[in-house]
N, C-alpha and C. Protein backbone atom coordinates (compact mmCIF):
# COMPACT_ATOMS: atom_id res chain seq x y z
N MET A 1 2.56 -16.60 -22.06
CA MET A 1 2.43 -15.42 -21.35
C MET A 1 1.08 -14.73 -21.64
N LYS A 2 0.48 -14.90 -22.64
CA LYS A 2 -0.84 -14.38 -22.87
C LYS A 2 -1.84 -14.78 -21.86
N LYS A 3 -1.67 -16.04 -21.42
CA LYS A 3 -2.60 -16.51 -20.29
C LYS A 3 -2.52 -15.61 -19.20
N TRP A 4 -1.31 -15.23 -18.70
CA TRP A 4 -1.06 -14.52 -17.57
C TRP A 4 -1.53 -13.08 -17.67
N ASN A 5 -1.54 -12.56 -18.97
CA ASN A 5 -2.06 -11.19 -19.28
C ASN A 5 -3.65 -11.18 -19.07
N PHE A 6 -4.14 -12.29 -19.55
CA PHE A 6 -5.73 -12.51 -19.33
C PHE A 6 -5.99 -12.49 -17.92
N ILE A 7 -5.35 -13.20 -17.12
CA ILE A 7 -5.57 -13.34 -15.69
C ILE A 7 -5.41 -11.95 -15.03
N PHE A 8 -4.27 -11.24 -15.34
CA PHE A 8 -4.02 -9.91 -14.86
C PHE A 8 -5.25 -8.97 -15.16
N ALA A 9 -5.57 -9.02 -16.43
CA ALA A 9 -6.73 -8.01 -16.92
C ALA A 9 -7.98 -8.44 -16.16
N GLY A 10 -8.26 -9.84 -15.89
CA GLY A 10 -9.37 -10.21 -15.25
C GLY A 10 -9.33 -9.72 -13.69
N VAL A 11 -8.35 -9.88 -13.18
CA VAL A 11 -8.18 -9.49 -11.63
C VAL A 11 -8.21 -8.03 -11.61
N LEU A 12 -7.56 -7.28 -12.33
CA LEU A 12 -7.62 -5.97 -12.43
C LEU A 12 -9.01 -5.30 -12.83
N SER A 13 -9.75 -5.82 -13.72
CA SER A 13 -11.21 -5.41 -14.10
C SER A 13 -12.03 -5.75 -12.82
N PHE A 14 -11.96 -6.88 -12.25
CA PHE A 14 -12.77 -7.38 -11.10
C PHE A 14 -12.55 -6.34 -9.87
N THR A 15 -11.32 -6.18 -9.65
CA THR A 15 -10.95 -5.26 -8.51
C THR A 15 -11.58 -3.73 -8.69
N LEU A 16 -11.45 -3.24 -9.93
CA LEU A 16 -11.83 -1.84 -10.18
C LEU A 16 -13.42 -1.90 -10.23
N ILE A 17 -14.11 -2.88 -10.89
CA ILE A 17 -15.60 -2.80 -10.92
C ILE A 17 -16.11 -2.93 -9.55
N PHE A 18 -15.44 -3.92 -8.70
CA PHE A 18 -16.25 -4.19 -7.34
C PHE A 18 -15.60 -3.53 -6.26
N GLY A 19 -15.16 -2.26 -6.37
CA GLY A 19 -14.79 -1.58 -5.30
C GLY A 19 -13.31 -1.29 -5.07
N GLY A 20 -12.43 -1.75 -5.83
CA GLY A 20 -10.93 -1.57 -5.72
C GLY A 20 -10.59 -0.15 -6.07
N THR A 21 -9.51 0.23 -5.34
CA THR A 21 -8.94 1.52 -5.50
C THR A 21 -7.41 1.48 -5.83
N PRO A 22 -7.01 1.93 -7.10
CA PRO A 22 -5.77 1.70 -7.46
C PRO A 22 -4.78 2.48 -6.45
N GLY A 23 -3.53 1.92 -6.03
CA GLY A 23 -2.63 2.58 -5.27
C GLY A 23 -1.54 3.12 -6.24
N LEU A 24 -0.50 3.60 -5.69
CA LEU A 24 0.45 4.21 -6.62
C LEU A 24 1.52 3.17 -7.01
N ALA A 25 2.05 3.21 -8.28
CA ALA A 25 2.92 2.24 -8.77
C ALA A 25 4.35 2.92 -8.72
N LYS A 26 5.26 1.92 -8.44
CA LYS A 26 6.66 2.45 -8.35
C LYS A 26 7.35 1.76 -9.39
N ASN A 27 8.10 2.47 -10.24
CA ASN A 27 8.99 1.90 -11.27
C ASN A 27 10.47 1.61 -10.71
N LYS A 28 10.70 0.48 -10.56
CA LYS A 28 12.01 0.17 -9.88
C LYS A 28 13.22 0.68 -10.55
N THR A 29 13.09 0.96 -11.88
CA THR A 29 14.34 1.65 -12.44
C THR A 29 14.47 3.02 -12.28
N GLU A 30 13.39 3.59 -11.63
CA GLU A 30 13.62 5.14 -11.31
C GLU A 30 14.42 5.28 -9.97
N ASN A 31 15.05 6.16 -9.81
CA ASN A 31 15.76 6.57 -8.56
C ASN A 31 14.88 6.96 -7.49
N VAL A 32 14.41 6.24 -6.43
CA VAL A 32 13.46 6.68 -5.56
C VAL A 32 13.91 7.85 -4.76
N LYS A 33 15.09 8.13 -4.68
CA LYS A 33 15.49 9.39 -3.93
C LYS A 33 15.16 10.73 -4.64
N GLN A 34 14.78 10.68 -5.81
CA GLN A 34 14.33 11.82 -6.61
C GLN A 34 12.81 11.85 -6.86
N GLY A 35 12.29 12.73 -6.35
CA GLY A 35 10.89 13.02 -6.49
C GLY A 35 10.39 13.91 -7.67
N THR A 36 9.23 13.81 -8.30
CA THR A 36 8.96 14.59 -9.28
C THR A 36 7.75 15.74 -8.92
N ASN A 37 7.82 16.86 -9.48
CA ASN A 37 6.84 17.65 -9.16
C ASN A 37 5.43 17.43 -9.77
N SER A 38 5.33 16.44 -10.68
CA SER A 38 4.11 16.03 -11.32
C SER A 38 3.19 15.05 -10.54
N MET A 39 3.80 14.58 -9.43
CA MET A 39 2.85 13.75 -8.74
C MET A 39 2.00 14.51 -7.84
N SER A 40 0.95 14.00 -7.32
CA SER A 40 0.03 14.61 -6.41
C SER A 40 0.52 14.47 -5.04
N THR A 41 0.68 15.58 -4.34
CA THR A 41 1.19 15.59 -3.02
C THR A 41 0.27 15.50 -1.98
N ASP A 42 -1.03 15.61 -2.17
CA ASP A 42 -2.08 15.65 -1.18
C ASP A 42 -3.04 14.61 -1.41
N LYS A 43 -3.05 13.52 -0.68
CA LYS A 43 -3.94 12.25 -0.94
C LYS A 43 -4.90 12.10 0.33
N PRO A 44 -6.24 12.46 0.05
CA PRO A 44 -7.16 12.27 1.13
C PRO A 44 -7.47 10.70 1.33
N ILE A 45 -7.46 10.43 2.57
CA ILE A 45 -7.84 9.13 2.91
C ILE A 45 -9.03 9.07 4.00
N GLY A 46 -9.87 10.03 3.95
CA GLY A 46 -11.04 10.19 4.65
C GLY A 46 -11.01 10.75 6.02
N HIS A 47 -12.02 11.26 6.79
CA HIS A 47 -12.14 11.51 8.11
C HIS A 47 -11.31 12.90 8.29
N GLY A 48 -11.02 13.64 7.42
CA GLY A 48 -10.17 14.70 7.48
C GLY A 48 -8.71 14.41 7.55
N LEU A 49 -8.32 13.22 7.10
CA LEU A 49 -6.91 12.65 7.10
C LEU A 49 -6.43 12.82 5.74
N HIS A 50 -5.14 13.41 5.60
CA HIS A 50 -4.45 13.52 4.18
C HIS A 50 -3.24 12.98 4.48
N LEU A 51 -2.49 12.36 3.36
CA LEU A 51 -1.26 12.00 3.29
C LEU A 51 -0.48 13.18 2.50
N TRP A 52 0.71 13.57 2.95
CA TRP A 52 1.41 14.68 2.27
C TRP A 52 2.83 14.04 1.98
N TRP A 53 3.13 14.26 0.81
CA TRP A 53 4.39 13.73 0.13
C TRP A 53 5.60 14.60 0.57
N ASN A 54 6.63 14.03 1.05
CA ASN A 54 7.85 14.96 1.34
C ASN A 54 9.02 14.42 0.33
N PRO A 55 10.02 15.31 0.12
CA PRO A 55 11.13 14.83 -0.58
C PRO A 55 11.72 13.46 -0.21
N GLY A 56 12.13 12.57 -1.07
CA GLY A 56 12.66 11.40 -0.56
C GLY A 56 11.63 10.33 -0.62
N PHE A 57 10.32 10.49 -1.20
CA PHE A 57 9.39 9.55 -1.10
C PHE A 57 9.01 9.07 0.24
N ASN A 58 8.87 10.11 1.07
CA ASN A 58 8.34 9.86 2.47
C ASN A 58 7.14 10.60 2.55
N TYR A 59 6.07 10.22 3.42
CA TYR A 59 4.92 10.81 3.76
C TYR A 59 4.60 11.14 5.14
N THR A 60 3.97 12.28 5.20
CA THR A 60 3.37 12.67 6.57
C THR A 60 1.79 12.62 6.65
N LEU A 61 1.29 12.06 7.67
CA LEU A 61 -0.12 11.89 7.99
C LEU A 61 -0.62 13.44 8.50
N GLU A 62 -1.46 13.88 7.81
CA GLU A 62 -2.05 15.14 8.26
C GLU A 62 -3.45 15.20 8.80
N ASP A 63 -3.75 15.38 10.00
CA ASP A 63 -5.13 15.47 10.57
C ASP A 63 -5.52 16.94 10.64
N ARG A 64 -6.24 17.27 9.53
CA ARG A 64 -6.59 18.83 9.41
C ARG A 64 -7.60 19.14 10.32
N VAL A 65 -8.51 18.25 10.85
CA VAL A 65 -9.46 18.69 11.85
C VAL A 65 -8.74 19.24 13.19
N ASN A 66 -7.84 18.36 13.57
CA ASN A 66 -7.13 18.65 14.90
C ASN A 66 -5.82 19.30 14.61
N ASN A 67 -5.27 19.70 13.53
CA ASN A 67 -4.11 20.43 13.13
C ASN A 67 -2.99 19.58 13.64
N ILE A 68 -2.80 18.26 13.28
CA ILE A 68 -1.88 17.37 13.78
C ILE A 68 -1.04 16.85 12.51
N LYS A 69 0.28 16.72 12.43
CA LYS A 69 1.07 16.23 11.50
C LYS A 69 2.11 15.24 12.01
N LEU A 70 1.98 14.03 11.53
CA LEU A 70 2.89 12.88 11.95
C LEU A 70 3.61 12.17 10.78
N PRO A 71 4.83 12.00 11.09
CA PRO A 71 5.59 11.20 9.98
C PRO A 71 5.14 9.61 9.93
N ILE A 72 5.00 9.11 8.75
CA ILE A 72 4.70 7.75 8.69
C ILE A 72 5.91 6.94 9.16
N PRO A 73 5.70 5.90 10.22
CA PRO A 73 6.82 5.21 10.59
C PRO A 73 7.33 4.13 9.58
N VAL A 74 8.52 3.85 9.73
CA VAL A 74 9.02 2.78 8.78
C VAL A 74 8.82 1.48 9.57
N PRO A 75 8.52 0.42 8.83
CA PRO A 75 8.37 -1.00 9.55
C PRO A 75 9.67 -1.32 10.23
N LYS A 76 9.60 -1.90 11.43
CA LYS A 76 10.91 -2.31 12.11
C LYS A 76 11.89 -3.20 11.29
N GLU A 77 11.40 -3.97 10.22
CA GLU A 77 12.23 -4.73 9.44
C GLU A 77 12.98 -3.85 8.48
N LEU A 78 12.61 -2.71 8.21
CA LEU A 78 13.36 -1.68 7.32
C LEU A 78 14.00 -0.47 8.02
N GLU A 79 14.08 -0.60 9.45
CA GLU A 79 14.80 0.48 10.04
C GLU A 79 16.20 0.71 9.63
N GLY A 80 16.52 1.90 9.21
CA GLY A 80 17.83 2.17 8.67
C GLY A 80 18.08 1.76 7.20
N LYS A 81 16.99 1.07 6.54
CA LYS A 81 17.31 0.54 5.24
C LYS A 81 15.99 0.97 4.23
N SER A 82 15.43 1.97 4.65
CA SER A 82 14.29 2.54 4.00
C SER A 82 14.61 3.25 2.87
N GLU A 83 13.92 3.13 1.66
CA GLU A 83 14.30 3.91 0.53
C GLU A 83 12.96 4.90 -0.06
N GLY A 84 11.88 4.64 0.72
CA GLY A 84 10.81 5.43 0.51
C GLY A 84 9.59 4.67 0.74
N GLN A 85 8.42 5.44 0.44
CA GLN A 85 7.00 4.92 0.89
C GLN A 85 6.11 5.36 -0.44
N ASP A 86 4.89 4.44 -0.36
CA ASP A 86 3.87 4.70 -1.24
C ASP A 86 2.55 4.46 -0.70
N PRO A 87 1.49 5.33 -0.80
CA PRO A 87 0.36 4.98 -0.09
C PRO A 87 -0.62 4.20 -0.91
N ILE A 88 -1.50 3.33 -0.36
CA ILE A 88 -2.45 2.53 -0.98
C ILE A 88 -3.79 3.11 -0.23
N THR A 89 -4.31 4.05 -0.91
CA THR A 89 -5.72 4.67 -0.24
C THR A 89 -6.78 4.77 -1.22
N PRO A 90 -7.95 4.95 -0.73
CA PRO A 90 -8.31 4.64 0.55
C PRO A 90 -8.38 3.25 0.90
N ALA A 91 -7.95 2.87 2.13
CA ALA A 91 -7.58 1.37 2.47
C ALA A 91 -8.26 1.28 3.93
N LEU A 92 -9.53 1.59 4.24
CA LEU A 92 -9.85 1.50 5.69
C LEU A 92 -10.47 0.29 5.85
N PRO A 93 -10.07 -0.55 6.88
CA PRO A 93 -10.90 -1.78 7.14
C PRO A 93 -12.29 -1.72 7.38
N GLN A 94 -12.96 -2.71 7.13
CA GLN A 94 -14.40 -2.73 7.20
C GLN A 94 -14.95 -2.34 8.60
N LEU A 95 -14.06 -2.70 9.63
CA LEU A 95 -14.43 -2.40 11.07
C LEU A 95 -15.01 -0.95 11.24
N ASP A 96 -14.11 -0.03 10.48
CA ASP A 96 -14.24 1.47 10.72
C ASP A 96 -15.70 1.92 10.07
N PHE A 97 -16.11 1.14 9.21
CA PHE A 97 -17.36 1.51 8.51
C PHE A 97 -18.54 1.19 9.32
N SER A 98 -18.53 0.34 10.13
CA SER A 98 -19.71 -0.29 10.98
C SER A 98 -19.53 0.09 12.35
N SER A 99 -18.37 0.91 12.78
CA SER A 99 -18.37 1.27 14.17
C SER A 99 -17.83 2.62 14.31
N ASP A 100 -18.10 3.23 15.49
CA ASP A 100 -17.76 4.69 15.81
C ASP A 100 -16.50 4.59 16.84
N ASP A 101 -15.56 4.01 16.42
CA ASP A 101 -14.43 3.75 17.45
C ASP A 101 -13.31 4.85 17.27
N SER A 102 -13.56 5.79 16.28
CA SER A 102 -12.54 6.90 15.88
C SER A 102 -11.19 6.42 15.41
N LYS A 103 -11.03 5.07 15.07
CA LYS A 103 -9.85 4.58 14.50
C LYS A 103 -9.97 4.63 13.08
N ASN A 104 -8.92 4.97 12.47
CA ASN A 104 -8.70 4.93 11.02
C ASN A 104 -7.49 4.28 10.68
N GLU A 105 -7.66 3.14 9.77
CA GLU A 105 -6.34 2.34 9.33
C GLU A 105 -6.31 2.67 7.70
N PHE A 106 -5.03 2.49 7.46
CA PHE A 106 -4.61 2.65 5.84
C PHE A 106 -3.27 1.85 5.78
N TYR A 107 -3.10 1.51 4.36
CA TYR A 107 -1.93 0.82 4.11
C TYR A 107 -0.94 1.63 3.29
N MET A 108 0.29 1.22 3.48
CA MET A 108 1.45 1.86 2.86
C MET A 108 2.32 0.87 2.37
N PHE A 109 3.03 1.05 1.05
CA PHE A 109 4.06 0.36 0.63
C PHE A 109 5.27 0.91 1.22
N HIS A 110 6.47 0.17 1.66
CA HIS A 110 7.62 0.64 1.97
C HIS A 110 8.73 -0.19 1.29
N TYR A 111 9.65 0.54 0.66
CA TYR A 111 10.75 0.04 -0.16
C TYR A 111 12.10 0.08 0.54
N GLY A 112 12.79 -1.10 0.48
CA GLY A 112 14.04 -1.20 1.16
C GLY A 112 15.12 -1.04 0.26
N ASN A 113 16.36 -0.68 0.69
CA ASN A 113 17.45 -0.38 -0.23
C ASN A 113 18.00 -1.64 -0.75
N GLU A 114 17.58 -2.85 -0.59
CA GLU A 114 18.01 -4.10 -1.17
C GLU A 114 16.90 -4.60 -2.09
N GLY A 115 15.92 -3.72 -2.40
CA GLY A 115 14.92 -4.12 -3.40
C GLY A 115 13.57 -4.80 -2.73
N GLU A 116 13.77 -4.94 -1.45
CA GLU A 116 12.55 -5.53 -0.88
C GLU A 116 11.38 -4.51 -0.73
N VAL A 117 10.17 -5.08 -0.61
CA VAL A 117 8.97 -4.04 -0.38
C VAL A 117 8.02 -4.66 0.63
N PHE A 118 7.56 -3.92 1.64
CA PHE A 118 6.68 -4.15 2.70
C PHE A 118 5.45 -3.59 2.53
N LEU A 119 4.46 -4.36 2.90
CA LEU A 119 3.01 -3.73 2.96
C LEU A 119 2.72 -3.67 4.51
N GLN A 120 2.37 -2.36 4.78
CA GLN A 120 2.21 -2.02 6.27
C GLN A 120 0.88 -1.51 6.51
N LEU A 121 0.16 -1.96 7.65
CA LEU A 121 -0.99 -1.40 8.02
C LEU A 121 -0.88 -0.48 9.18
N LEU A 122 -1.43 0.83 9.03
CA LEU A 122 -1.12 1.76 10.08
C LEU A 122 -2.48 2.21 10.68
N GLN A 123 -2.64 2.55 11.91
CA GLN A 123 -3.85 3.03 12.40
C GLN A 123 -3.60 4.26 13.13
N TYR A 124 -4.44 5.18 12.80
CA TYR A 124 -4.40 6.53 13.50
C TYR A 124 -5.77 6.72 14.46
N GLU A 125 -5.54 7.31 15.73
CA GLU A 125 -6.60 7.46 16.66
C GLU A 125 -6.08 8.57 17.60
N LYS A 126 -6.88 9.72 17.55
CA LYS A 126 -6.71 10.72 18.37
C LYS A 126 -5.26 11.20 18.41
N GLY A 127 -4.61 11.67 17.37
CA GLY A 127 -3.37 12.13 17.60
C GLY A 127 -2.25 11.00 17.70
N LYS A 128 -2.47 9.74 17.54
CA LYS A 128 -1.49 8.72 17.80
C LYS A 128 -1.46 7.93 16.61
N LEU A 129 -0.37 7.81 16.01
CA LEU A 129 -0.24 6.96 14.85
C LEU A 129 0.72 5.78 15.12
N THR A 130 0.09 4.48 14.82
CA THR A 130 0.68 3.22 15.25
C THR A 130 0.70 2.27 14.07
N SER A 131 1.88 1.56 14.04
CA SER A 131 1.98 0.53 12.94
C SER A 131 1.52 -0.76 13.56
N LEU A 132 0.33 -1.42 12.89
CA LEU A 132 -0.12 -2.41 13.40
C LEU A 132 0.50 -3.79 13.00
N GLY A 133 1.24 -3.65 11.78
CA GLY A 133 1.91 -4.81 11.38
C GLY A 133 2.52 -4.48 9.89
N ALA A 134 3.50 -5.39 9.36
CA ALA A 134 3.98 -5.27 8.03
C ALA A 134 4.23 -6.71 7.69
N ILE A 135 4.19 -6.83 6.29
CA ILE A 135 4.54 -8.14 5.83
C ILE A 135 5.35 -7.91 4.45
N LYS A 136 6.58 -8.72 4.39
CA LYS A 136 7.23 -8.67 2.97
C LYS A 136 6.44 -9.12 1.86
N VAL A 137 6.10 -8.31 0.77
CA VAL A 137 5.40 -8.63 -0.46
C VAL A 137 6.23 -8.68 -1.56
N ALA A 138 7.44 -8.46 -1.58
CA ALA A 138 8.36 -8.86 -2.81
C ALA A 138 9.73 -8.77 -2.23
N GLU A 139 10.69 -9.54 -2.79
CA GLU A 139 12.02 -9.81 -2.56
C GLU A 139 12.83 -8.69 -3.26
N ASP A 140 12.53 -8.74 -4.63
CA ASP A 140 13.21 -7.83 -5.51
C ASP A 140 12.27 -7.61 -6.55
N VAL A 141 11.67 -6.30 -6.60
CA VAL A 141 10.49 -6.11 -7.63
C VAL A 141 11.07 -6.01 -8.91
N PRO A 142 10.54 -6.93 -9.86
CA PRO A 142 11.01 -7.15 -11.29
C PRO A 142 11.03 -5.75 -11.90
N ASN A 143 9.98 -4.94 -11.92
CA ASN A 143 9.95 -3.71 -12.65
C ASN A 143 8.88 -2.81 -11.87
N ARG A 144 7.63 -3.13 -11.70
CA ARG A 144 6.71 -2.28 -11.15
C ARG A 144 5.86 -3.04 -10.14
N ILE A 145 5.43 -2.51 -9.16
CA ILE A 145 4.66 -3.08 -8.04
C ILE A 145 3.30 -2.14 -7.90
N TYR A 146 2.11 -2.70 -7.89
CA TYR A 146 0.94 -2.11 -7.80
C TYR A 146 0.02 -2.54 -6.58
N GLY A 147 -0.66 -1.73 -5.86
CA GLY A 147 -1.54 -2.17 -4.94
C GLY A 147 -2.94 -1.93 -5.11
N PHE A 148 -3.95 -2.70 -4.86
CA PHE A 148 -5.37 -2.40 -5.15
C PHE A 148 -6.11 -2.84 -3.93
N TYR A 149 -6.93 -1.84 -3.39
CA TYR A 149 -7.67 -2.21 -2.21
C TYR A 149 -9.00 -2.62 -2.70
N ASN A 150 -9.62 -3.69 -2.14
CA ASN A 150 -11.00 -4.29 -2.42
C ASN A 150 -11.75 -4.17 -1.23
N ASP A 151 -12.54 -3.22 -1.12
CA ASP A 151 -13.37 -3.10 0.23
C ASP A 151 -14.58 -4.07 0.32
N GLY A 152 -14.78 -4.68 -0.87
CA GLY A 152 -15.82 -5.92 -0.58
C GLY A 152 -15.31 -7.05 0.03
N ARG A 153 -13.92 -7.18 -0.22
CA ARG A 153 -13.33 -8.40 0.55
C ARG A 153 -12.38 -7.86 1.74
N ASN A 154 -12.32 -6.52 1.75
CA ASN A 154 -11.31 -5.95 2.79
C ASN A 154 -9.96 -6.49 2.62
N SER A 155 -9.44 -6.65 1.48
CA SER A 155 -8.07 -7.09 1.16
C SER A 155 -7.36 -6.05 0.35
N ILE A 156 -5.97 -6.54 0.18
CA ILE A 156 -5.02 -5.73 -0.75
C ILE A 156 -4.66 -6.76 -1.88
N TYR A 157 -4.78 -6.32 -3.09
CA TYR A 157 -4.10 -7.16 -4.12
C TYR A 157 -2.68 -6.46 -4.54
N VAL A 158 -1.71 -7.18 -4.33
CA VAL A 158 -0.40 -6.74 -4.62
C VAL A 158 0.13 -7.44 -6.01
N ILE A 159 0.38 -6.66 -7.04
CA ILE A 159 0.52 -7.09 -8.28
C ILE A 159 2.07 -6.67 -8.71
N THR A 160 3.01 -7.59 -9.28
CA THR A 160 4.17 -7.12 -9.86
C THR A 160 4.33 -7.42 -11.31
N LEU A 161 4.77 -6.50 -12.11
CA LEU A 161 4.95 -6.67 -13.36
C LEU A 161 6.50 -6.65 -13.80
N ASP A 162 6.94 -7.45 -14.86
CA ASP A 162 8.22 -7.42 -15.34
C ASP A 162 8.62 -6.31 -16.09
N ILE A 163 9.81 -6.27 -16.68
CA ILE A 163 10.33 -5.03 -17.50
C ILE A 163 9.54 -4.81 -18.73
N LYS A 164 8.89 -6.01 -19.21
CA LYS A 164 8.10 -5.85 -20.40
C LYS A 164 6.57 -5.43 -20.27
N GLY A 165 6.31 -5.39 -18.75
CA GLY A 165 4.91 -4.93 -18.44
C GLY A 165 4.02 -6.20 -18.34
N GLU A 166 4.71 -7.33 -18.28
CA GLU A 166 3.80 -8.71 -18.12
C GLU A 166 3.83 -8.94 -16.72
N LEU A 167 2.67 -9.74 -16.22
CA LEU A 167 2.48 -10.10 -15.00
C LEU A 167 3.69 -10.92 -14.47
N ASN A 168 4.29 -10.71 -13.35
CA ASN A 168 5.19 -11.51 -12.60
C ASN A 168 4.53 -12.29 -11.60
N SER A 169 3.70 -11.57 -10.67
CA SER A 169 2.99 -12.28 -9.62
C SER A 169 1.89 -11.35 -9.16
N SER A 170 0.94 -12.16 -8.64
CA SER A 170 -0.44 -11.37 -8.02
C SER A 170 -0.68 -12.19 -6.63
N ALA A 171 -0.83 -11.44 -5.64
CA ALA A 171 -1.20 -12.02 -4.29
C ALA A 171 -2.18 -11.16 -3.64
N GLU A 172 -3.05 -11.73 -2.82
CA GLU A 172 -4.05 -11.13 -2.00
C GLU A 172 -3.53 -11.15 -0.55
N TYR A 173 -3.78 -10.16 0.17
CA TYR A 173 -3.37 -9.99 1.56
C TYR A 173 -4.53 -9.49 2.46
N VAL A 174 -4.64 -9.89 3.57
CA VAL A 174 -5.79 -9.49 4.47
C VAL A 174 -5.18 -9.35 5.86
N TRP A 175 -5.88 -8.42 6.63
CA TRP A 175 -5.63 -8.12 8.06
C TRP A 175 -6.51 -9.16 8.92
N ASP A 176 -5.82 -9.94 9.62
CA ASP A 176 -6.39 -11.01 10.51
C ASP A 176 -6.52 -10.32 12.05
N TYR A 177 -7.87 -10.01 12.21
CA TYR A 177 -8.03 -9.39 13.60
C TYR A 177 -7.71 -10.23 14.81
N GLU A 178 -7.74 -11.55 14.66
CA GLU A 178 -7.47 -12.54 15.79
C GLU A 178 -5.92 -12.46 16.02
N THR A 179 -5.18 -12.71 14.90
CA THR A 179 -3.73 -12.89 15.08
C THR A 179 -3.03 -11.53 14.92
N LYS A 180 -3.69 -10.54 14.59
CA LYS A 180 -3.22 -9.08 14.54
C LYS A 180 -2.10 -9.15 13.60
N MET A 181 -2.28 -9.80 12.43
CA MET A 181 -1.20 -9.83 11.40
C MET A 181 -1.80 -9.82 10.05
N ILE A 182 -0.91 -9.19 9.05
CA ILE A 182 -1.36 -9.33 7.64
C ILE A 182 -0.89 -10.62 7.16
N ASN A 183 -1.82 -11.22 6.49
CA ASN A 183 -1.68 -12.52 5.96
C ASN A 183 -1.90 -12.62 4.50
N LYS A 184 -1.00 -13.54 3.86
CA LYS A 184 -1.13 -13.72 2.30
C LYS A 184 -2.24 -14.83 2.40
N VAL A 185 -3.35 -14.58 1.43
CA VAL A 185 -4.38 -15.66 1.42
C VAL A 185 -4.42 -16.41 -0.08
N SER A 186 -3.74 -15.74 -1.04
CA SER A 186 -3.67 -16.37 -2.45
C SER A 186 -2.43 -15.84 -3.06
N GLU A 187 -1.92 -16.40 -4.08
CA GLU A 187 -0.87 -16.03 -4.92
C GLU A 187 -0.80 -16.76 -6.11
N LEU A 188 -0.59 -15.94 -7.36
CA LEU A 188 -0.24 -16.49 -8.58
C LEU A 188 1.04 -16.04 -9.13
N LYS A 189 1.79 -16.93 -9.61
CA LYS A 189 3.21 -16.54 -10.21
C LYS A 189 3.35 -16.90 -11.77
N ALA A 190 3.97 -16.04 -12.37
CA ALA A 190 4.15 -16.41 -13.70
C ALA A 190 5.19 -17.49 -13.86
N GLU A 191 5.13 -18.41 -14.91
CA GLU A 191 5.98 -19.56 -15.07
C GLU A 191 7.15 -19.20 -15.71
């Protein structure tokens, strides 16, 4: 297991040094229906956009420039089965840094009531919030799940840890503009 700890430390260090931004972590053993007052409720994601936390681990996208508030939609795979959300921010695809199309994308984790976790890419444009797609990133989170955005590769690293805090799995996901899907491009699993 020491080998996996070194790999985890290497991936984490590389991600943080070369532009990764840590997302929020969720401890599976906590009851996601109960929020805590200690967590930050206002998460800026750029361009006057903020994510605002609501009771029950649900978020609202707030466009402060245009005074618009929109609830974050649940992926179709989790309709009626959602247990809450966590943002991975800032996570704006490279396209938006090199174009002036007024579209802003960001990623969210969604938790299902059967332990599954989905990574979802959302797009906000002129008062409209759209789900571009989602992919299941975990069947049953061993204990904790983390998301890191790497703008150098325009990808999301999803890392799960077991109850002892040791690496269970690490996978990299990217948005494919041609297929319009989130794809897994690499994965490591503990033995």
